[in-house]
PDB file of N, CA and C in Angstrom:
ATOM      1  N   MET A   1       0.677  -1.106  -0.002  1.00  0.00           N
ATOM      2  CA  MET A   1      -0.128  -0.176   0.034  1.00  0.00           C
ATOM      3  C   MET A   1       0.808   1.212  -0.188  1.00  0.00           C
ATOM      4  N   LEU A   2       0.416   2.583  -0.491  1.00  0.00           N
ATOM      5  CA  LEU A   2       1.342   3.701  -0.577  1.00  0.00           C
ATOM      6  C   LEU A   2       1.234   4.097   0.733  1.00  0.00           C
ATOM      7  N   ALA A   3       2.668   4.630   0.953  1.00  0.00           N
ATOM      8  CA  ALA A   3       3.044   5.051   2.347  1.00  0.00           C
ATOM      9  C   ALA A   3       3.931   6.186   2.203  1.00  0.00           C
ATOM     10  N   THR A   4       4.080   7.064   3.490  1.00  0.00           N
ATOM     11  CA  THR A   4       4.756   8.212   3.674  1.00  0.00           C
ATOM     12  C   THR A   4       6.113   7.492   3.635  1.00  0.00           C
ATOM     13  N   CYS A   5       7.057   8.214   2.748  1.00  0.00           N
ATOM     14  CA  CYS A   5       8.389   7.661   2.988  1.00  0.00           C
ATOM     15  C   CYS A   5       9.247   7.868   4.033  1.00  0.00           C
ATOM     16  N   ASP A   6       9.609   6.919   4.839  1.00  0.00           N
ATOM     17  CA  ASP A   6      10.126   7.258   6.443  1.00  0.00           C
ATOM     18  C   ASP A   6      11.351   6.495   6.619  1.00  0.00           C
ATOM     19  N   GLY A   7      11.851   5.854   5.478  1.00  0.00           N
ATOM     20  CA  GLY A   7      12.927   4.640   5.687  1.00  0.00           C
ATOM     21  C   GLY A   7      12.633   3.655   6.611  1.00  0.00           C
ATOM     22  N   SER A   8      11.322   3.206   6.856  1.00  0.00           N
ATOM     23  CA  SER A   8      11.186   2.141   7.569  1.00  0.00           C
ATOM     24  C   SER A   8      11.504   0.675   6.609  1.00  0.00           C
ATOM     25  N   ALA A   9      11.864  -0.515   7.393  1.00  0.00           N
ATOM     26  CA  ALA A   9      12.491  -1.575   6.766  1.00  0.00           C
ATOM     27  C   ALA A   9      11.590  -2.288   5.936  1.00  0.00           C
ATOM     28  N   ASP A  10      10.050  -2.162   5.948  1.00  0.00           N
ATOM     29  CA  ASP A  10       9.205  -2.756   4.950  1.00  0.00           C
ATOM     30  C   ASP A  10       8.988  -2.086   3.936  1.00  0.00           C
ATOM     31  N   GLN A  11       9.356  -1.030   3.525  1.00  0.00           N
ATOM     32  CA  GLN A  11       9.335   0.193   2.605  1.00  0.00           C
ATOM     33  C   GLN A  11       9.937  -0.694   1.300  1.00  0.00           C
ATOM     34  N   ILE A  12       9.145  -0.213   0.001  1.00  0.00           N
ATOM     35  CA  ILE A  12       9.554  -0.410  -1.277  1.00  0.00           C
ATOM     36  C   ILE A  12       9.585   1.125  -1.589  1.00  0.00           C
ATOM     37  N   ARG A  13      10.756   1.586  -2.411  1.00  0.00           N
ATOM     38  CA  ARG A  13      11.069   2.954  -2.593  1.00  0.00           C
ATOM     39  C   ARG A  13      11.114   3.018  -4.088  1.00  0.00           C
ATOM     40  N   VAL A  14      10.402   3.706  -4.818  1.00  0.00           N
ATOM     41  CA  VAL A  14      10.406   4.233  -6.478  1.00  0.00           C
ATOM     42  C   VAL A  14      10.870   5.560  -6.477  1.00  0.00           C
ATOM     43  N   TYR A  15      11.959   5.503  -7.233  1.00  0.00           N
ATOM     44  CA  TYR A  15      12.300   6.939  -7.704  1.00  0.00           C
ATOM     45  C   TYR A  15      11.803   7.417  -9.013  1.00  0.00           C
ATOM     46  N   THR A  16      11.412   8.624  -9.066  1.00  0.00           N
ATOM     47  CA  THR A  16      10.935   9.197 -10.304  1.00  0.00           C
ATOM     48  C   THR A  16      11.661  10.555 -10.594  1.00  0.00           C
ATOM     49  N   VAL A  17      11.426  10.825 -11.877  1.00  0.00           N
ATOM     50  CA  VAL A  17      11.907  12.211 -12.325  1.00  0.00           C
ATOM     51  C   VAL A  17      10.644  13.135 -11.922  1.00  0.00           C
ATOM     52  N   GLU A  18      11.212  14.016 -10.935  1.00  0.00           N
ATOM     53  CA  GLU A  18      10.093  14.842 -10.257  1.00  0.00           C
ATOM     54  C   GLU A  18       9.828  15.970 -11.148  1.00  0.00           C
ATOM     55  N   ASP A  19       8.412  16.256 -11.386  1.00  0.00           N
ATOM     56  CA  ASP A  19       7.694  16.971 -12.131  1.00  0.00           C
ATOM     57  C   ASP A  19       6.479  17.777 -11.682  1.00  0.00           C
ATOM     58  N   SER A  20       6.740  18.853 -11.164  1.00  0.00           N
ATOM     59  CA  SER A  20       5.521  19.706 -10.283  1.00  0.00           C
ATOM     60  C   SER A  20       4.358  19.984 -11.366  1.00  0.00           C
ATOM     61  N   THR A  21       4.811  20.152 -12.650  1.00  0.00           N
ATOM     62  CA  THR A  21       3.594  20.478 -13.627  1.00  0.00           C
ATOM     63  C   THR A  21       2.579  19.359 -13.659  1.00  0.00           C
ATOM     64  N   VAL A  22       2.921  18.244 -13.529  1.00  0.00           N
ATOM     65  CA  VAL A  22       1.961  17.004 -13.775  1.00  0.00           C
ATOM     66  C   VAL A  22       1.619  16.350 -12.301  1.00  0.00           C
ATOM     67  N   GLY A  23       2.395  17.244 -11.011  1.00  0.00           N
ATOM     68  CA  GLY A  23       2.074  16.514  -9.926  1.00  0.00           C
ATOM     69  C   GLY A  23       2.560  15.075  -9.227  1.00  0.00           C
ATOM     70  N   ARG A  24       4.206  15.122 -10.056  1.00  0.00           N
ATOM     71  CA  ARG A  24       4.855  13.763  -9.928  1.00  0.00           C
ATOM     72  C   ARG A  24       5.741  14.067  -8.688  1.00  0.00           C
ATOM     73  N   LYS A  25       6.050  13.504  -7.914  1.00  0.00           N
ATOM     74  CA  LYS A  25       7.007  13.573  -6.808  1.00  0.00           C
ATOM     75  C   LYS A  25       8.093  12.883  -7.212  1.00  0.00           C
ATOM     76  N   GLY A  26       9.230  13.364  -6.478  1.00  0.00           N
ATOM     77  CA  GLY A  26      10.734  12.409  -6.770  1.00  0.00           C
ATOM     78  C   GLY A  26      10.764  10.969  -6.325  1.00  0.00           C
ATOM     79  N   ASP A  27      10.103  10.785  -5.416  1.00  0.00           N
ATOM     80  CA  ASP A  27       9.905   9.269  -4.911  1.00  0.00           C
ATOM     81  C   ASP A  27       8.677   8.906  -4.206  1.00  0.00           C
ATOM     82  N   TYR A  28       8.455   7.745  -4.386  1.00  0.00           N
ATOM     83  CA  TYR A  28       7.119   7.189  -3.848  1.00  0.00           C
ATOM     84  C   TYR A  28       7.252   5.930  -2.885  1.00  0.00           C
ATOM     85  N   CYS A  29       6.855   5.850  -1.751  1.00  0.00           N
ATOM     86  CA  CYS A  29       6.927   4.570  -1.054  1.00  0.00           C
ATOM     87  C   CYS A  29       5.969   3.485  -0.998  1.00  0.00           C
ATOM     88  N   PHE A  30       5.999   2.489  -0.747  1.00  0.00           N
ATOM     89  CA  PHE A  30       4.990   1.427  -0.559  1.00  0.00           C
ATOM     90  C   PHE A  30       5.406   0.561   0.545  1.00  0.00           C
ATOM     91  N   ARG A  31       4.441   0.357   1.524  1.00  0.00           N
ATOM     92  CA  ARG A  31       4.624  -0.683   2.630  1.00  0.00           C
ATOM     93  C   ARG A  31       4.034  -2.064   2.075  1.00  0.00           C
ATOM     94  N   ALA A  32       5.107  -3.024   2.378  1.00  0.00           N
ATOM     95  CA  ALA A  32       4.579  -4.477   2.079  1.00  0.00           C
ATOM     96  C   ALA A  32       3.910  -5.259   3.367  1.00  0.00           C
ATOM     97  N   THR A  33       2.657  -5.361   3.253  1.00  0.00           N
ATOM     98  CA  THR A  33       2.090  -5.884   4.749  1.00  0.00           C
ATOM     99  C   THR A  33       2.184  -7.537   4.674  1.00  0.00           C
ATOM    100  N   ALA A  34       2.763  -8.025   3.696  1.00  0.00           N
ATOM    101  CA  ALA A  34       2.652  -9.552   3.721  1.00  0.00           C
ATOM    102  C   ALA A  34       3.828 -10.075   2.852  1.00  0.00           C
ATOM    103  N   ALA A  35       4.168 -11.406   2.951  1.00  0.00           N
ATOM    104  CA  ALA A  35       5.283 -12.215   2.178  1.00  0.00           C
ATOM    105  C   ALA A  35       5.178 -12.041   0.883  1.00  0.00           C
ATOM    106  N   SER A  36       3.964 -11.934   0.242  1.00  0.00           N
ATOM    107  CA  SER A  36       3.832 -11.714  -1.041  1.00  0.00           C
ATOM    108  C   SER A  36       2.489 -11.044  -1.605  1.00  0.00           C
ATOM    109  N   GLY A  37       2.485 -10.493  -2.827  1.00  0.00           N
ATOM    110  CA  GLY A  37       1.560  -9.770  -3.152  1.00  0.00           C
ATOM    111  C   GLY A  37       1.974  -9.021  -4.223  1.00  0.00           C
ATOM    112  N   TYR A  38       0.884  -8.277  -5.095  1.00  0.00           N
ATOM    113  CA  TYR A  38       1.203  -7.231  -5.962  1.00  0.00           C
ATOM    114  C   TYR A  38       0.729  -5.831  -6.080  1.00  0.00           C
ATOM    115  N   LEU A  39       1.028  -5.160  -7.072  1.00  0.00           N
ATOM    116  CA  LEU A  39       0.448  -3.777  -7.090  1.00  0.00           C
ATOM    117  C   LEU A  39       0.592  -3.346  -8.374  1.00  0.00           C
ATOM    118  N   THR A  40      -0.641  -3.066  -9.026  1.00  0.00           N
ATOM    119  CA  THR A  40      -0.841  -2.898 -10.570  1.00  0.00           C
ATOM    120  C   THR A  40      -0.696  -1.165 -10.582  1.00  0.00           C
ATOM    121  N   LEU A  41       0.078  -0.582 -11.347  1.00  0.00           N
ATOM    122  CA  LEU A  41      -0.207   1.081 -11.134  1.00  0.00           C
ATOM    123  C   LEU A  41       0.483   1.493 -12.502  1.00  0.00           C
ATOM    124  N   GLU A  42       0.576   2.900 -12.749  1.00  0.00           N
ATOM    125  CA  GLU A  42       1.121   3.577 -13.826  1.00  0.00           C
ATOM    126  C   GLU A  42       1.973   4.866 -13.384  1.00  0.00           C
ATOM    127  N   LEU A  43       3.390   4.218 -13.135  1.00  0.00           N
ATOM    128  CA  LEU A  43       4.091   5.553 -12.549  1.00  0.00           C
ATOM    129  C   LEU A  43       5.424   5.882 -13.618  1.00  0.00           C
ATOM    130  N   PRO A  44       5.033   6.852 -14.463  1.00  0.00           N
ATOM    131  CA  PRO A  44       6.273   7.306 -15.294  1.00  0.00           C
ATOM    132  C   PRO A  44       7.474   7.800 -14.841  1.00  0.00           C
ATOM    133  N   ARG A  45       8.260   7.556 -15.638  1.00  0.00           N
ATOM    134  CA  ARG A  45       9.813   8.361 -15.390  1.00  0.00           C
ATOM    135  C   ARG A  45      10.514   7.866 -14.396  1.00  0.00           C
ATOM    136  N   VAL A  46      10.063   6.324 -13.918  1.00  0.00           N
ATOM    137  CA  VAL A  46      11.064   5.512 -12.860  1.00  0.00           C
ATOM    138  C   VAL A  46      12.396   5.603 -13.321  1.00  0.00           C
ATOM    139  N   PHE A  47      13.232   5.940 -12.425  1.00  0.00           N
ATOM    140  CA  PHE A  47      14.831   5.507 -12.474  1.00  0.00           C
ATOM    141  C   PHE A  47      15.385   4.623 -11.852  1.00  0.00           C
ATOM    142  N   ALA A  48      14.715   4.280 -10.670  1.00  0.00           N
ATOM    143  CA  ALA A  48      15.438   3.319  -9.459  1.00  0.00           C
ATOM    144  C   ALA A  48      14.546   2.996  -8.699  1.00  0.00           C
ATOM    145  N   LEU A  49      14.769   1.679  -8.318  1.00  0.00           N
ATOM    146  CA  LEU A  49      13.806   0.865  -7.273  1.00  0.00           C
ATOM    147  C   LEU A  49      14.707   0.512  -6.051  1.00  0.00           C
ATOM    148  N   GLU A  50      14.314   0.443  -4.787  1.00  0.00           N
ATOM    149  CA  GLU A  50      14.916   0.341  -3.512  1.00  0.00           C
ATOM    150  C   GLU A  50      13.994  -0.489  -2.713  1.00  0.00           C
ATOM    151  N   THR A  51      14.523  -1.733  -2.108  1.00  0.00           N
ATOM    152  CA  THR A  51      13.652  -2.649  -1.255  1.00  0.00           C
ATOM    153  C   THR A  51      14.302  -2.359  -0.009  1.00  0.00           C
ATOM    154  N   GLY A  52      13.485  -2.776   0.946  1.00  0.00           N
ATOM    155  CA  GLY A  52      13.747  -2.974   2.391  1.00  0.00           C
ATOM    156  C   GLY A  52      13.738  -4.592   2.877  1.00  0.00           C
ATOM    157  N   ASP A  53      12.976  -4.955   3.605  1.00  0.00           N
ATOM    158  CA  ASP A  53      12.735  -6.062   4.129  1.00  0.00           C
ATOM    159  C   ASP A  53      12.343  -7.352   2.982  1.00  0.00           C
ATOM    160  N   HIS A  54      11.755  -6.880   1.703  1.00  0.00           N
ATOM    161  CA  HIS A  54      11.138  -7.587   0.959  1.00  0.00           C
ATOM    162  C   HIS A  54      11.610  -7.696  -0.500  1.00  0.00           C
ATOM    163  N   PRO A  55      12.300  -8.739  -1.176  1.00  0.00           N
ATOM    164  CA  PRO A  55      12.403  -8.754  -2.431  1.00  0.00           C
ATOM    165  C   PRO A  55      11.242  -8.548  -3.314  1.00  0.00           C
ATOM    166  N   ILE A  56      11.416  -7.697  -4.305  1.00  0.00           N
ATOM    167  CA  ILE A  56      10.663  -7.391  -5.274  1.00  0.00           C
ATOM    168  C   ILE A  56      10.993  -7.923  -6.793  1.00  0.00           C
ATOM    169  N   SER A  57       9.908  -8.035  -7.507  1.00  0.00           N
ATOM    170  CA  SER A  57       9.982  -8.232  -8.933  1.00  0.00           C
ATOM    171  C   SER A  57       8.973  -6.830  -9.728  1.00  0.00           C
ATOM    172  N   ALA A  58       9.472  -6.236 -10.371  1.00  0.00           N
ATOM    173  CA  ALA A  58       8.903  -5.339 -10.974  1.00  0.00           C
ATOM    174  C   ALA A  58       8.737  -5.197 -12.568  1.00  0.00           C
ATOM    175  N   ASP A  59       7.561  -4.894 -13.329  1.00  0.00           N
ATOM    176  CA  ASP A  59       7.481  -4.551 -14.460  1.00  0.00           C
ATOM    177  C   ASP A  59       7.649  -3.183 -15.127  1.00  0.00           C
ATOM    178  N   LEU A  60       8.135  -3.077 -16.202  1.00  0.00           N
ATOM    179  CA  LEU A  60       8.518  -1.465 -16.458  1.00  0.00           C
ATOM    180  C   LEU A  60       8.153  -1.663 -17.959  1.00  0.00           C
ATOM    181  N   THR A  61       7.586  -0.644 -18.637  1.00  0.00           N
ATOM    182  CA  THR A  61       7.368  -0.740 -20.194  1.00  0.00           C
ATOM    183  C   THR A  61       8.301   0.691 -20.642  1.00  0.00           C
ATOM    184  N   ALA A  62       8.678   0.550 -21.711  1.00  0.00           N
ATOM    185  CA  ALA A  62       9.294   1.359 -22.438  1.00  0.00           C
ATOM    186  C   ALA A  62       9.306   1.111 -23.916  1.00  0.00           C
ATOM    187  N   ASN A  63       9.004   1.897 -25.044  1.00  0.00           N
ATOM    188  CA  ASN A  63       9.086   1.965 -26.366  1.00  0.00           C
ATOM    189  C   ASN A  63       8.251   0.508 -26.800  1.00  0.00           C
ATOM    190  N   GLY A  64       7.145   0.236 -25.987  1.00  0.00           N
ATOM    191  CA  GLY A  64       6.410  -0.841 -26.449  1.00  0.00           C
ATOM    192  C   GLY A  64       6.550  -1.875 -25.925  1.00  0.00           C
ATOM    193  N   ALA A  65       7.743  -2.234 -25.317  1.00  0.00           N
ATOM    194  CA  ALA A  65       8.454  -3.547 -24.684  1.00  0.00           C
ATOM    195  C   ALA A  65       8.086  -3.414 -23.255  1.00  0.00           C
ATOM    196  N   THR A  66       8.074  -4.688 -22.544  1.00  0.00           N
ATOM    197  CA  THR A  66       8.000  -4.634 -20.781  1.00  0.00           C
ATOM    198  C   THR A  66       9.334  -5.420 -20.647  1.00  0.00           C
ATOM    199  N   THR A  67       9.755  -5.024 -19.465  1.00  0.00           N
ATOM    200  CA  THR A  67      11.143  -5.488 -18.791  1.00  0.00           C
ATOM    201  C   THR A  67      10.678  -5.999 -17.624  1.00  0.00           C
ATOM    202  N   THR A  68      11.267  -6.897 -16.933  1.00  0.00           N
ATOM    203  CA  THR A  68      10.918  -7.471 -15.616  1.00  0.00           C
ATOM    204  C   THR A  68      12.377  -7.358 -14.879  1.00  0.00           C
ATOM    205  N   VAL A  69      12.439  -6.496 -13.850  1.00  0.00           N
ATOM    206  CA  VAL A  69      13.493  -6.607 -12.995  1.00  0.00           C
ATOM    207  C   VAL A  69      13.277  -7.037 -11.537  1.00  0.00           C
ATOM    208  N   ASP A  70      14.371  -7.730 -10.955  1.00  0.00           N
ATOM    209  CA  ASP A  70      14.228  -8.270  -9.734  1.00  0.00           C
ATOM    210  C   ASP A  70      15.083  -7.558  -8.828  1.00  0.00           C
ATOM    211  N   VAL A  71      14.862  -7.256  -7.755  1.00  0.00           N
ATOM    212  CA  VAL A  71      15.552  -6.461  -6.597  1.00  0.00           C
ATOM    213  C   VAL A  71      15.585  -7.359  -5.473  1.00  0.00           C
ATOM    214  N   ALA A  72      16.912  -7.655  -4.899  1.00  0.00           N
ATOM    215  CA  ALA A  72      16.862  -8.283  -3.862  1.00  0.00           C
ATOM    216  C   ALA A  72      16.373  -7.630  -2.446  1.00  0.00           C
ATOM    217  N   GLU A  73      16.361  -8.351  -1.685  1.00  0.00           N
ATOM    218  CA  GLU A  73      15.977  -7.873  -0.075  1.00  0.00           C
ATOM    219  C   GLU A  73      17.051  -6.814   0.129  1.00  0.00           C
ATOM    220  N   GLY A  74      16.948  -5.597   0.699  1.00  0.00           N
ATOM    221  CA  GLY A  74      17.746  -4.440   1.028  1.00  0.00           C
ATOM    222  C   GLY A  74      18.659  -4.096  -0.446  1.00  0.00           C
ATOM    223  N   GLY A  75      18.012  -4.007  -1.483  1.00  0.00           N
ATOM    224  CA  GLY A  75      18.961  -3.686  -2.732  1.00  0.00           C
ATOM    225  C   GLY A  75      18.332  -2.508  -3.624  1.00  0.00           C
ATOM    226  N   PHE A  76      19.107  -1.928  -4.343  1.00  0.00           N
ATOM    227  CA  PHE A  76      18.663  -0.844  -4.928  1.00  0.00           C
ATOM    228  C   PHE A  76      19.278  -1.262  -6.528  1.00  0.00           C
ATOM    229  N   GLU A  77      18.387  -0.580  -7.497  1.00  0.00           N
ATOM    230  CA  GLU A  77      18.590  -1.021  -8.881  1.00  0.00           C
ATOM    231  C   GLU A  77      18.221   0.086  -9.595  1.00  0.00           C
ATOM    232  N   SER A  78      18.916   0.472 -10.355  1.00  0.00           N
ATOM    233  CA  SER A  78      18.651   1.488 -11.528  1.00  0.00           C
ATOM    234  C   SER A  78      18.050   1.028 -12.700  1.00  0.00           C
ATOM    235  N   VAL A  79      17.001   1.518 -12.971  1.00  0.00           N
ATOM    236  CA  VAL A  79      16.224   0.961 -14.089  1.00  0.00           C
ATOM    237  C   VAL A  79      15.841   1.869 -15.205  1.00  0.00           C
ATOM    238  N   GLY A  80      15.181   1.736 -16.635  1.00  0.00           N
ATOM    239  CA  GLY A  80      15.169   2.875 -17.429  1.00  0.00           C
ATOM    240  C   GLY A  80      15.751   4.005 -17.563  1.00  0.00           C
ATOM    241  N   GLU A  81      15.754   4.976 -17.542  1.00  0.00           N
ATOM    242  CA  GLU A  81      16.686   6.279 -17.717  1.00  0.00           C
ATOM    243  C   GLU A  81      17.728   6.371 -16.744  1.00  0.00           C
ATOM    244  N   GLY A  82      17.418   5.515 -15.595  1.00  0.00           N
ATOM    245  CA  GLY A  82      18.649   5.809 -14.567  1.00  0.00           C
ATOM    246  C   GLY A  82      19.762   4.914 -14.798  1.00  0.00           C
ATOM    247  N   THR A  83      19.584   4.059 -16.250  1.00  0.00           N
ATOM    248  CA  THR A  83      20.600   3.457 -16.757  1.00  0.00           C
ATOM    249  C   THR A  83      21.252   4.135 -17.972  1.00  0.00           C
ATOM    250  N   VAL A  84      22.664   3.976 -18.367  1.00  0.00           N
ATOM    251  CA  VAL A  84      23.248   4.386 -19.403  1.00  0.00           C
ATOM    252  C   VAL A  84      22.507   4.048 -20.720  1.00  0.00           C
ATOM    253  N   GLY A  85      22.069   5.222 -21.241  1.00  0.00           N
ATOM    254  CA  GLY A  85      21.277   4.780 -22.585  1.00  0.00           C
ATOM    255  C   GLY A  85      19.787   4.426 -22.403  1.00  0.00           C
ATOM    256  N   GLY A  86      19.398   4.065 -21.325  1.00  0.00           N
ATOM    257  CA  GLY A  86      17.878   3.751 -20.822  1.00  0.00           C
ATOM    258  C   GLY A  86      16.800   4.526 -21.344  1.00  0.00           C
ATOM    259  N   ALA A  87      15.767   4.075 -21.724  1.00  0.00           N
ATOM    260  CA  ALA A  87      14.724   4.754 -22.183  1.00  0.00           C
ATOM    261  C   ALA A  87      13.559   5.209 -20.929  1.00  0.00           C
ATOM    262  N   ARG A  88      13.223   6.458 -21.342  1.00  0.00           N
ATOM    263  CA  ARG A  88      11.982   6.555 -20.232  1.00  0.00           C
ATOM    264  C   ARG A  88      11.188   5.392 -20.057  1.00  0.00           C
ATOM    265  N   SER A  89      10.779   5.020 -18.658  1.00  0.00           N
ATOM    266  CA  SER A  89      10.077   3.936 -18.461  1.00  0.00           C
ATOM    267  C   SER A  89       8.945   4.065 -17.333  1.00  0.00           C
ATOM    268  N   VAL A  90       8.027   3.322 -17.585  1.00  0.00           N
ATOM    269  CA  VAL A  90       6.715   3.289 -16.841  1.00  0.00           C
ATOM    270  C   VAL A  90       6.464   2.170 -15.963  1.00  0.00           C
ATOM    271  N   LEU A  91       6.734   2.317 -14.758  1.00  0.00           N
ATOM    272  CA  LEU A  91       6.214   1.095 -13.978  1.00  0.00           C
ATOM    273  C   LEU A  91       4.924   0.816 -13.614  1.00  0.00           C
ATOM    274  N   VAL A  92       4.594  -0.420 -14.114  1.00  0.00           N
ATOM    275  CA  VAL A  92       3.283  -0.763 -14.249  1.00  0.00           C
ATOM    276  C   VAL A  92       2.908  -1.847 -13.184  1.00  0.00           C
ATOM    277  N   GLU A  93       3.890  -2.740 -12.549  1.00  0.00           N
ATOM    278  CA  GLU A  93       3.568  -3.749 -11.371  1.00  0.00           C
ATOM    279  C   GLU A  93       4.640  -3.695 -10.534  1.00  0.00           C
ATOM    280  N   ILE A  94       4.526  -3.871  -9.464  1.00  0.00           N
ATOM    281  CA  ILE A  94       5.312  -4.327  -8.365  1.00  0.00           C
ATOM    282  C   ILE A  94       4.974  -5.650  -7.660  1.00  0.00           C
ATOM    283  N   ARG A  95       5.638  -6.803  -7.621  1.00  0.00           N
ATOM    284  CA  ARG A  95       5.501  -7.847  -6.878  1.00  0.00           C
ATOM    285  C   ARG A  95       6.464  -8.143  -5.862  1.00  0.00           C
ATOM    286  N   VAL A  96       5.874  -8.142  -4.325  1.00  0.00           N
ATOM    287  CA  VAL A  96       6.605  -8.771  -3.517  1.00  0.00           C
ATOM    288  C   VAL A  96       6.752 -10.291  -3.570  1.00  0.00           C
ATOM    289  N   THR A  97       8.014 -10.687  -3.339  1.00  0.00           N
ATOM    290  CA  THR A  97       8.207 -11.949  -3.679  1.00  0.00           C
ATOM    291  C   THR A  97       8.675 -12.712  -2.396  1.00  0.00           C
ATOM    292  N   GLY A  98       8.791 -12.283  -1.199  1.00  0.00           N
ATOM    293  CA  GLY A  98       9.311 -13.151  -0.031  1.00  0.00           C
ATOM    294  C   GLY A  98       9.483 -12.286   0.980  1.00  0.00           C
TER     295      GLY A  98
END
């Protein structure tokens, strides 16, 4: 579920390119309340994912293709335009995997 970013171990943090003209913040946090589950959403301009106590798998779309990224417990992963030559990406699903 959507949560206030506070550095809690059970949070998943999604970093985006902030844009006040469309109301997009620079980061969004989600709290995992179970060992598994998923959230479907559309969050544009995502450039990194960070996990706490729960590993995740995330789907991102860019240029008509979907990419799945796995992030280990306590991990950080650059994605989309956060990587060298990466395309602007939209986060479309987060899955807690453990």
